[in-house]
Structure formats: structure tokens, C-alpha cells
Amino acid sequence: MDSLLPYLNEELIVSLDVATREEAISSMVALLANKGYLTDQTAFYQAVLDREKLVSTGIGMGVALPHAKLSDYDDFFITIAILKHGINWDAQDGAPVRLVFMIGGPDDKQTLYLQILSRLTYALKDEARRKKMLQFTSSRDIIALFEKF
């Protein structure tokens, strides 16, 4: 895997005004369904929630990486939500989450999934990048922040 860019799409970047983790997840899953990315919206939503029940995907730094891998997908996709207000995500550092990267894709490509997750996590460790994302004015600007990853 050379870059995150093949998994990012301007139509999958959204600003959300939500109060809970479940509202954020639901809104992001609805966006994916509306844009034709999901074969079964309910199954994908439930898979994301089930994963959250195992351990929170709030990785700290105001970032959450909810995800689901199911057999009926051929490739990975990432939807990004910038939250207007920080919400409790039971993050490892206790900080409220404002940046959510939902990853979906096939359950039989674990190596590729781990590469995507690793690159995304590495890119998000940059505080300046996270701050720029919170000031986002266009989806294109967000994607440009990941051109080297």
C-alpha cells in the first residue's frame, strides 16, 4: 500500500453536529449508505457498534477510528466526520472526540487493513494536521492533508 488516497473520497467527508458516539456512527453509516458504499446498512451499523462494545475505538488526541470488516466488501473505504463539539467516546486518554475516521471493508484482507490503520494513526499523531482538520472549509482540503500518507 503506497497511500491512503485511494481510500479517501470527498463525498465521504462531513461536518456533524451530534451529541453522542451512537449519533456520530449512525450519521456516518447513513452517509455511506446514501453514497452507495454499503451492501447492508443495518449489518454494517451493527458491526461497528459490536466492535465498539469490545473496546472503544477512541485512540486519544480527540480521534476515534470506528471500523467494521464484513465479507461482502471487496475494498476498503474511509469516511471522515469532523464533529462541531467534542463528544465522549470513552477514549484511552479521556479526551472528547472531534475527529472520526470510520473504516469499512473486507474481512479477509487483514494485512491491508492494518497498513491503512497504521498510516492513518501515524498521520493523525501530527497535532498541526489535526488542528487544520478542525478548521476544515472543504473536503478537498482535508484530503490534501493526507497526500503524503
N, C-alpha and C. Protein backbone atom coordinates (compact mmCIF):
# COMPACT_ATOMS: atom_id res chain seq x y z
N MET A 1 0.84 -1.17 0.00
CA MET A 1 0.00 0.00 0.00
C MET A 1 0.89 1.24 0.00
N ASP A 2 0.69 2.09 -0.97
CA ASP A 2 1.53 3.28 -1.11
C ASP A 2 0.93 4.53 -0.48
N SER A 3 -0.40 4.58 -0.35
CA SER A 3 -1.04 5.82 0.06
C SER A 3 -2.44 5.56 0.60
N LEU A 4 -2.91 6.49 1.43
CA LEU A 4 -4.29 6.45 1.91
C LEU A 4 -5.27 7.03 0.87
N LEU A 5 -4.75 7.78 -0.09
CA LEU A 5 -5.61 8.49 -1.03
C LEU A 5 -6.64 7.62 -1.76
N PRO A 6 -6.31 6.37 -2.15
CA PRO A 6 -7.34 5.57 -2.82
C PRO A 6 -8.55 5.26 -1.95
N TYR A 7 -8.42 5.42 -0.65
CA TYR A 7 -9.50 5.08 0.28
C TYR A 7 -10.27 6.31 0.75
N LEU A 8 -9.82 7.49 0.33
CA LEU A 8 -10.47 8.74 0.72
C LEU A 8 -11.28 9.28 -0.45
N ASN A 9 -12.42 9.88 -0.13
CA ASN A 9 -13.30 10.40 -1.16
C ASN A 9 -13.96 11.67 -0.61
N GLU A 10 -13.94 12.73 -1.40
CA GLU A 10 -14.52 14.00 -0.96
C GLU A 10 -15.97 13.86 -0.52
N GLU A 11 -16.72 12.98 -1.16
CA GLU A 11 -18.14 12.84 -0.82
C GLU A 11 -18.37 12.11 0.51
N LEU A 12 -17.29 11.61 1.10
CA LEU A 12 -17.40 10.90 2.37
C LEU A 12 -16.79 11.68 3.53
N ILE A 13 -16.71 13.00 3.38
CA ILE A 13 -16.20 13.86 4.45
C ILE A 13 -17.32 14.82 4.84
N VAL A 14 -17.61 14.85 6.14
CA VAL A 14 -18.77 15.59 6.60
C VAL A 14 -18.50 16.26 7.94
N SER A 15 -19.17 17.38 8.15
CA SER A 15 -19.17 18.04 9.45
C SER A 15 -20.47 17.64 10.15
N LEU A 16 -20.37 17.21 11.40
CA LEU A 16 -21.57 16.74 12.12
C LEU A 16 -21.76 17.51 13.42
N ASP A 17 -23.01 17.80 13.72
CA ASP A 17 -23.39 18.40 14.99
C ASP A 17 -24.19 17.35 15.75
N VAL A 18 -23.49 16.49 16.48
CA VAL A 18 -24.11 15.38 17.20
C VAL A 18 -23.68 15.43 18.66
N ALA A 19 -24.43 14.71 19.51
CA ALA A 19 -24.15 14.75 20.94
C ALA A 19 -23.57 13.45 21.49
N THR A 20 -23.69 12.35 20.71
CA THR A 20 -23.24 11.06 21.23
C THR A 20 -22.47 10.28 20.18
N ARG A 21 -21.73 9.30 20.66
CA ARG A 21 -20.99 8.39 19.78
C ARG A 21 -21.95 7.68 18.84
N GLU A 22 -23.08 7.22 19.38
CA GLU A 22 -24.05 6.48 18.56
C GLU A 22 -24.63 7.35 17.44
N GLU A 23 -24.88 8.64 17.75
CA GLU A 23 -25.38 9.55 16.71
C GLU A 23 -24.32 9.76 15.63
N ALA A 24 -23.07 9.88 16.02
CA ALA A 24 -22.00 10.06 15.04
C ALA A 24 -21.90 8.83 14.15
N ILE A 25 -21.90 7.66 14.75
CA ILE A 25 -21.80 6.42 13.98
C ILE A 25 -23.00 6.28 13.05
N SER A 26 -24.18 6.52 13.56
CA SER A 26 -25.39 6.41 12.75
C SER A 26 -25.36 7.37 11.56
N SER A 27 -24.95 8.61 11.79
CA SER A 27 -24.88 9.60 10.71
C SER A 27 -23.86 9.21 9.65
N MET A 28 -22.71 8.69 10.09
CA MET A 28 -21.67 8.29 9.15
C MET A 28 -22.10 7.07 8.34
N VAL A 29 -22.76 6.12 8.99
CA VAL A 29 -23.25 4.94 8.27
C VAL A 29 -24.32 5.35 7.27
N ALA A 30 -25.20 6.28 7.65
CA ALA A 30 -26.23 6.77 6.72
C ALA A 30 -25.59 7.43 5.50
N LEU A 31 -24.53 8.21 5.71
CA LEU A 31 -23.82 8.83 4.60
C LEU A 31 -23.26 7.76 3.66
N LEU A 32 -22.61 6.75 4.23
CA LEU A 32 -22.07 5.66 3.42
C LEU A 32 -23.18 4.97 2.62
N ALA A 33 -24.31 4.74 3.25
CA ALA A 33 -25.43 4.08 2.57
C ALA A 33 -25.97 4.98 1.44
N ASN A 34 -26.13 6.26 1.73
CA ASN A 34 -26.66 7.20 0.72
C ASN A 34 -25.74 7.32 -0.49
N LYS A 35 -24.45 7.14 -0.27
CA LYS A 35 -23.49 7.25 -1.38
C LYS A 35 -23.22 5.90 -2.05
N GLY A 36 -23.93 4.85 -1.62
CA GLY A 36 -23.83 3.56 -2.30
C GLY A 36 -22.66 2.69 -1.88
N TYR A 37 -22.06 2.95 -0.74
CA TYR A 37 -20.90 2.18 -0.30
C TYR A 37 -21.27 0.90 0.46
N LEU A 38 -22.48 0.83 0.97
CA LEU A 38 -22.85 -0.30 1.83
C LEU A 38 -23.81 -1.25 1.13
N THR A 39 -23.54 -2.53 1.29
CA THR A 39 -24.46 -3.54 0.75
C THR A 39 -25.61 -3.80 1.71
N ASP A 40 -25.34 -3.62 3.01
CA ASP A 40 -26.37 -3.82 4.03
C ASP A 40 -26.11 -2.83 5.16
N GLN A 41 -26.85 -1.73 5.14
CA GLN A 41 -26.63 -0.65 6.10
C GLN A 41 -26.78 -1.13 7.54
N THR A 42 -27.80 -1.92 7.81
CA THR A 42 -28.05 -2.40 9.17
C THR A 42 -26.92 -3.29 9.66
N ALA A 43 -26.47 -4.20 8.81
CA ALA A 43 -25.39 -5.11 9.20
C ALA A 43 -24.09 -4.34 9.47
N PHE A 44 -23.80 -3.36 8.64
CA PHE A 44 -22.58 -2.58 8.83
C PHE A 44 -22.67 -1.78 10.12
N TYR A 45 -23.80 -1.11 10.34
CA TYR A 45 -24.00 -0.33 11.56
C TYR A 45 -23.83 -1.21 12.80
N GLN A 46 -24.45 -2.39 12.77
CA GLN A 46 -24.37 -3.29 13.92
C GLN A 46 -22.93 -3.78 14.13
N ALA A 47 -22.22 -4.04 13.04
CA ALA A 47 -20.83 -4.49 13.15
C ALA A 47 -19.96 -3.40 13.79
N VAL A 48 -20.20 -2.14 13.44
CA VAL A 48 -19.44 -1.04 14.04
C VAL A 48 -19.76 -0.96 15.54
N LEU A 49 -21.04 -1.03 15.88
CA LEU A 49 -21.43 -0.97 17.30
C LEU A 49 -20.86 -2.14 18.09
N ASP A 50 -20.91 -3.34 17.49
CA ASP A 50 -20.37 -4.52 18.16
C ASP A 50 -18.88 -4.35 18.44
N ARG A 51 -18.17 -3.77 17.49
CA ARG A 51 -16.73 -3.53 17.66
C ARG A 51 -16.49 -2.54 18.79
N GLU A 52 -17.32 -1.50 18.87
CA GLU A 52 -17.20 -0.51 19.94
C GLU A 52 -17.43 -1.14 21.32
N LYS A 53 -18.29 -2.13 21.39
CA LYS A 53 -18.58 -2.79 22.68
C LYS A 53 -17.37 -3.57 23.18
N LEU A 54 -16.53 -4.07 22.26
CA LEU A 54 -15.34 -4.81 22.67
C LEU A 54 -14.35 -3.90 23.38
N VAL A 55 -14.04 -2.80 22.75
CA VAL A 55 -13.16 -1.77 23.32
C VAL A 55 -13.36 -0.51 22.48
N SER A 56 -13.37 0.62 23.14
CA SER A 56 -13.59 1.87 22.44
C SER A 56 -12.53 2.09 21.36
N THR A 57 -12.97 2.65 20.24
CA THR A 57 -12.03 2.98 19.17
C THR A 57 -11.54 4.43 19.29
N GLY A 58 -11.84 5.06 20.42
CA GLY A 58 -11.28 6.38 20.70
C GLY A 58 -9.82 6.21 21.07
N ILE A 59 -8.93 6.59 20.15
CA ILE A 59 -7.50 6.30 20.34
C ILE A 59 -6.77 7.40 21.10
N GLY A 60 -7.47 8.48 21.43
CA GLY A 60 -6.85 9.61 22.09
C GLY A 60 -6.63 10.75 21.11
N MET A 61 -6.15 11.88 21.61
CA MET A 61 -5.85 13.07 20.79
C MET A 61 -7.11 13.64 20.14
N GLY A 62 -8.30 13.28 20.65
CA GLY A 62 -9.54 13.76 20.05
C GLY A 62 -9.96 12.99 18.82
N VAL A 63 -9.42 11.77 18.65
CA VAL A 63 -9.64 10.97 17.44
C VAL A 63 -10.28 9.63 17.79
N ALA A 64 -11.21 9.19 16.94
CA ALA A 64 -11.79 7.85 17.03
C ALA A 64 -11.70 7.18 15.67
N LEU A 65 -11.47 5.87 15.68
CA LEU A 65 -11.34 5.08 14.44
C LEU A 65 -12.31 3.89 14.45
N PRO A 66 -13.62 4.16 14.45
CA PRO A 66 -14.56 3.03 14.41
C PRO A 66 -14.41 2.29 13.08
N HIS A 67 -14.67 0.99 13.12
CA HIS A 67 -14.49 0.22 11.90
C HIS A 67 -15.31 -1.06 11.91
N ALA A 68 -15.51 -1.58 10.72
CA ALA A 68 -16.18 -2.87 10.56
C ALA A 68 -15.64 -3.54 9.31
N LYS A 69 -15.40 -4.84 9.42
CA LYS A 69 -14.95 -5.62 8.28
C LYS A 69 -15.96 -6.75 8.09
N LEU A 70 -16.51 -6.80 6.89
CA LEU A 70 -17.54 -7.79 6.58
C LEU A 70 -17.20 -8.49 5.27
N SER A 71 -17.73 -9.66 5.09
CA SER A 71 -17.37 -10.49 3.92
C SER A 71 -17.88 -9.95 2.59
N ASP A 72 -18.89 -9.09 2.58
CA ASP A 72 -19.45 -8.67 1.29
C ASP A 72 -18.81 -7.42 0.71
N TYR A 73 -17.59 -7.08 1.12
CA TYR A 73 -16.90 -5.92 0.57
C TYR A 73 -15.60 -6.37 -0.10
N ASP A 74 -15.28 -5.70 -1.22
CA ASP A 74 -14.07 -6.04 -1.97
C ASP A 74 -12.89 -5.14 -1.61
N ASP A 75 -13.19 -3.91 -1.19
CA ASP A 75 -12.11 -2.98 -0.91
C ASP A 75 -12.48 -2.11 0.29
N PHE A 76 -11.50 -1.40 0.80
CA PHE A 76 -11.70 -0.55 1.96
C PHE A 76 -12.17 0.84 1.56
N PHE A 77 -12.82 1.51 2.49
CA PHE A 77 -13.25 2.89 2.32
C PHE A 77 -13.17 3.56 3.68
N ILE A 78 -12.99 4.88 3.66
CA ILE A 78 -12.89 5.66 4.89
C ILE A 78 -13.83 6.84 4.77
N THR A 79 -14.67 7.02 5.77
CA THR A 79 -15.47 8.23 5.85
C THR A 79 -14.98 9.03 7.05
N ILE A 80 -14.96 10.34 6.88
CA ILE A 80 -14.40 11.23 7.90
C ILE A 80 -15.48 12.18 8.38
N ALA A 81 -15.60 12.30 9.70
CA ALA A 81 -16.51 13.28 10.28
C ALA A 81 -15.72 14.21 11.19
N ILE A 82 -15.94 15.49 10.99
CA ILE A 82 -15.40 16.49 11.88
C ILE A 82 -16.58 16.93 12.74
N LEU A 83 -16.49 16.69 14.03
CA LEU A 83 -17.59 16.98 14.94
C LEU A 83 -17.51 18.41 15.44
N LYS A 84 -18.66 19.10 15.41
CA LYS A 84 -18.69 20.51 15.83
C LYS A 84 -18.36 20.67 17.31
N HIS A 85 -18.70 19.65 18.10
CA HIS A 85 -18.44 19.66 19.53
C HIS A 85 -17.81 18.33 19.91
N GLY A 86 -16.88 18.37 20.84
CA GLY A 86 -16.29 17.13 21.32
C GLY A 86 -17.31 16.26 22.04
N ILE A 87 -17.26 14.96 21.78
CA ILE A 87 -18.18 14.04 22.44
C ILE A 87 -17.41 12.94 23.15
N ASN A 88 -18.04 12.37 24.16
CA ASN A 88 -17.44 11.28 24.90
C ASN A 88 -17.41 10.03 24.04
N TRP A 89 -16.22 9.45 23.87
CA TRP A 89 -16.07 8.23 23.09
C TRP A 89 -15.36 7.16 23.92
N ASP A 90 -15.28 7.39 25.21
CA ASP A 90 -14.51 6.51 26.09
C ASP A 90 -13.09 6.32 25.57
N ALA A 91 -12.50 7.42 25.13
CA ALA A 91 -11.15 7.38 24.56
C ALA A 91 -10.13 7.00 25.62
N GLN A 92 -9.03 6.44 25.16
CA GLN A 92 -7.97 5.99 26.05
C GLN A 92 -7.44 7.11 26.94
N ASP A 93 -7.38 8.34 26.42
CA ASP A 93 -6.86 9.46 27.20
C ASP A 93 -7.97 10.28 27.86
N GLY A 94 -9.23 9.86 27.68
CA GLY A 94 -10.35 10.57 28.29
C GLY A 94 -10.77 11.84 27.57
N ALA A 95 -10.03 12.24 26.53
CA ALA A 95 -10.33 13.47 25.81
C ALA A 95 -11.58 13.29 24.93
N PRO A 96 -12.39 14.35 24.81
CA PRO A 96 -13.53 14.27 23.91
C PRO A 96 -13.06 14.15 22.46
N VAL A 97 -13.85 13.47 21.66
CA VAL A 97 -13.51 13.21 20.25
C VAL A 97 -14.16 14.25 19.35
N ARG A 98 -13.36 14.75 18.40
CA ARG A 98 -13.87 15.68 17.38
C ARG A 98 -13.57 15.21 15.97
N LEU A 99 -12.67 14.23 15.82
CA LEU A 99 -12.32 13.71 14.50
C LEU A 99 -12.61 12.21 14.49
N VAL A 100 -13.46 11.80 13.55
CA VAL A 100 -13.84 10.39 13.47
C VAL A 100 -13.53 9.88 12.06
N PHE A 101 -12.78 8.80 12.01
CA PHE A 101 -12.43 8.15 10.75
C PHE A 101 -13.03 6.75 10.79
N MET A 102 -14.11 6.55 10.05
CA MET A 102 -14.76 5.24 10.03
C MET A 102 -14.22 4.45 8.84
N ILE A 103 -13.69 3.28 9.15
CA ILE A 103 -13.10 2.42 8.13
C ILE A 103 -14.01 1.22 7.92
N GLY A 104 -14.30 0.92 6.67
CA GLY A 104 -15.07 -0.27 6.33
C GLY A 104 -14.35 -1.03 5.24
N GLY A 105 -14.63 -2.33 5.17
CA GLY A 105 -14.02 -3.11 4.11
C GLY A 105 -14.13 -4.59 4.33
N PRO A 106 -13.38 -5.35 3.54
CA PRO A 106 -13.47 -6.81 3.56
C PRO A 106 -12.83 -7.42 4.81
N ASP A 107 -13.39 -8.53 5.24
CA ASP A 107 -12.87 -9.18 6.44
C ASP A 107 -11.71 -10.13 6.15
N ASP A 108 -11.34 -10.28 4.88
CA ASP A 108 -10.28 -11.22 4.52
C ASP A 108 -8.98 -10.54 4.07
N LYS A 109 -8.85 -9.25 4.36
CA LYS A 109 -7.63 -8.51 3.97
C LYS A 109 -7.04 -7.83 5.20
N GLN A 110 -6.72 -8.62 6.20
CA GLN A 110 -6.25 -8.10 7.47
C GLN A 110 -4.94 -7.32 7.34
N THR A 111 -4.02 -7.78 6.51
CA THR A 111 -2.74 -7.08 6.35
C THR A 111 -2.96 -5.68 5.79
N LEU A 112 -3.78 -5.56 4.75
CA LEU A 112 -4.06 -4.26 4.17
C LEU A 112 -4.78 -3.37 5.20
N TYR A 113 -5.71 -3.93 5.92
CA TYR A 113 -6.42 -3.17 6.95
C TYR A 113 -5.42 -2.60 7.97
N LEU A 114 -4.50 -3.42 8.43
CA LEU A 114 -3.52 -2.96 9.41
C LEU A 114 -2.60 -1.88 8.83
N GLN A 115 -2.29 -1.97 7.54
CA GLN A 115 -1.47 -0.94 6.88
C GLN A 115 -2.24 0.39 6.83
N ILE A 116 -3.52 0.33 6.48
CA ILE A 116 -4.35 1.54 6.45
C ILE A 116 -4.42 2.15 7.84
N LEU A 117 -4.71 1.34 8.82
CA LEU A 117 -4.82 1.80 10.20
C LEU A 117 -3.50 2.42 10.68
N SER A 118 -2.39 1.79 10.36
CA SER A 118 -1.08 2.28 10.77
C SER A 118 -0.78 3.64 10.13
N ARG A 119 -1.01 3.78 8.84
CA ARG A 119 -0.74 5.05 8.15
C ARG A 119 -1.64 6.16 8.68
N LEU A 120 -2.90 5.82 8.89
CA LEU A 120 -3.85 6.80 9.39
C LEU A 120 -3.45 7.27 10.79
N THR A 121 -3.13 6.33 11.66
CA THR A 121 -2.72 6.66 13.02
C THR A 121 -1.46 7.51 13.01
N TYR A 122 -0.49 7.16 12.18
CA TYR A 122 0.74 7.92 12.08
C TYR A 122 0.45 9.37 11.64
N ALA A 123 -0.39 9.52 10.61
CA ALA A 123 -0.73 10.85 10.10
C ALA A 123 -1.44 11.68 11.16
N LEU A 124 -2.27 11.03 11.97
CA LEU A 124 -3.06 11.76 12.96
C LEU A 124 -2.29 12.11 14.22
N LYS A 125 -1.10 11.59 14.38
CA LYS A 125 -0.27 11.96 15.53
C LYS A 125 0.23 13.39 15.40
N ASP A 126 0.17 13.95 14.21
CA ASP A 126 0.62 15.31 13.95
C ASP A 126 -0.46 16.30 14.42
N GLU A 127 -0.15 17.01 15.51
CA GLU A 127 -1.12 17.93 16.10
C GLU A 127 -1.53 19.04 15.13
N ALA A 128 -0.59 19.54 14.35
CA ALA A 128 -0.91 20.60 13.39
C ALA A 128 -1.93 20.11 12.35
N ARG A 129 -1.77 18.87 11.91
CA ARG A 129 -2.71 18.29 10.94
C ARG A 129 -4.11 18.20 11.56
N ARG A 130 -4.17 17.72 12.79
CA ARG A 130 -5.47 17.61 13.46
C ARG A 130 -6.14 18.97 13.60
N LYS A 131 -5.36 19.98 13.97
CA LYS A 131 -5.91 21.33 14.12
C LYS A 131 -6.43 21.86 12.79
N LYS A 132 -5.70 21.61 11.71
CA LYS A 132 -6.15 22.05 10.39
C LYS A 132 -7.46 21.36 10.01
N MET A 133 -7.58 20.09 10.37
CA MET A 133 -8.81 19.36 10.06
C MET A 133 -10.01 19.98 10.77
N LEU A 134 -9.81 20.42 12.01
CA LEU A 134 -10.91 21.01 12.78
C LEU A 134 -11.36 22.34 12.20
N GLN A 135 -10.51 22.98 11.39
CA GLN A 135 -10.85 24.25 10.76
C GLN A 135 -11.28 24.05 9.31
N PHE A 136 -11.64 22.83 8.96
CA PHE A 136 -11.84 22.49 7.56
C PHE A 136 -12.89 23.36 6.88
N THR A 137 -12.58 23.72 5.65
CA THR A 137 -13.51 24.51 4.85
C THR A 137 -13.97 23.73 3.62
N SER A 138 -13.20 22.72 3.23
CA SER A 138 -13.63 21.91 2.09
C SER A 138 -13.08 20.49 2.23
N SER A 139 -13.79 19.56 1.65
CA SER A 139 -13.35 18.17 1.66
C SER A 139 -12.02 18.00 0.96
N ARG A 140 -11.82 18.76 -0.08
CA ARG A 140 -10.55 18.71 -0.83
C ARG A 140 -9.38 19.09 0.07
N ASP A 141 -9.59 20.09 0.95
CA ASP A 141 -8.54 20.50 1.89
C ASP A 141 -8.18 19.37 2.84
N ILE A 142 -9.17 18.63 3.29
CA ILE A 142 -8.92 17.51 4.20
C ILE A 142 -8.09 16.44 3.49
N ILE A 143 -8.49 16.08 2.29
CA ILE A 143 -7.77 15.04 1.55
C ILE A 143 -6.32 15.48 1.29
N ALA A 144 -6.13 16.75 1.02
CA ALA A 144 -4.78 17.26 0.76
C ALA A 144 -3.86 17.05 1.97
N LEU A 145 -4.42 17.05 3.16
CA LEU A 145 -3.62 16.81 4.37
C LEU A 145 -3.07 15.39 4.46
N PHE A 146 -3.60 14.49 3.62
CA PHE A 146 -3.18 13.09 3.66
C PHE A 146 -2.43 12.67 2.39
N GLU A 147 -2.04 13.62 1.56
CA GLU A 147 -1.40 13.29 0.28
C GLU A 147 -0.07 12.56 0.44
N LYS A 148 0.61 12.77 1.54
CA LYS A 148 1.91 12.11 1.73
C LYS A 148 1.81 10.84 2.55
N PHE A 149 0.57 10.41 2.80
CA PHE A 149 0.39 9.21 3.63
C PHE A 149 -0.31 8.13 2.87
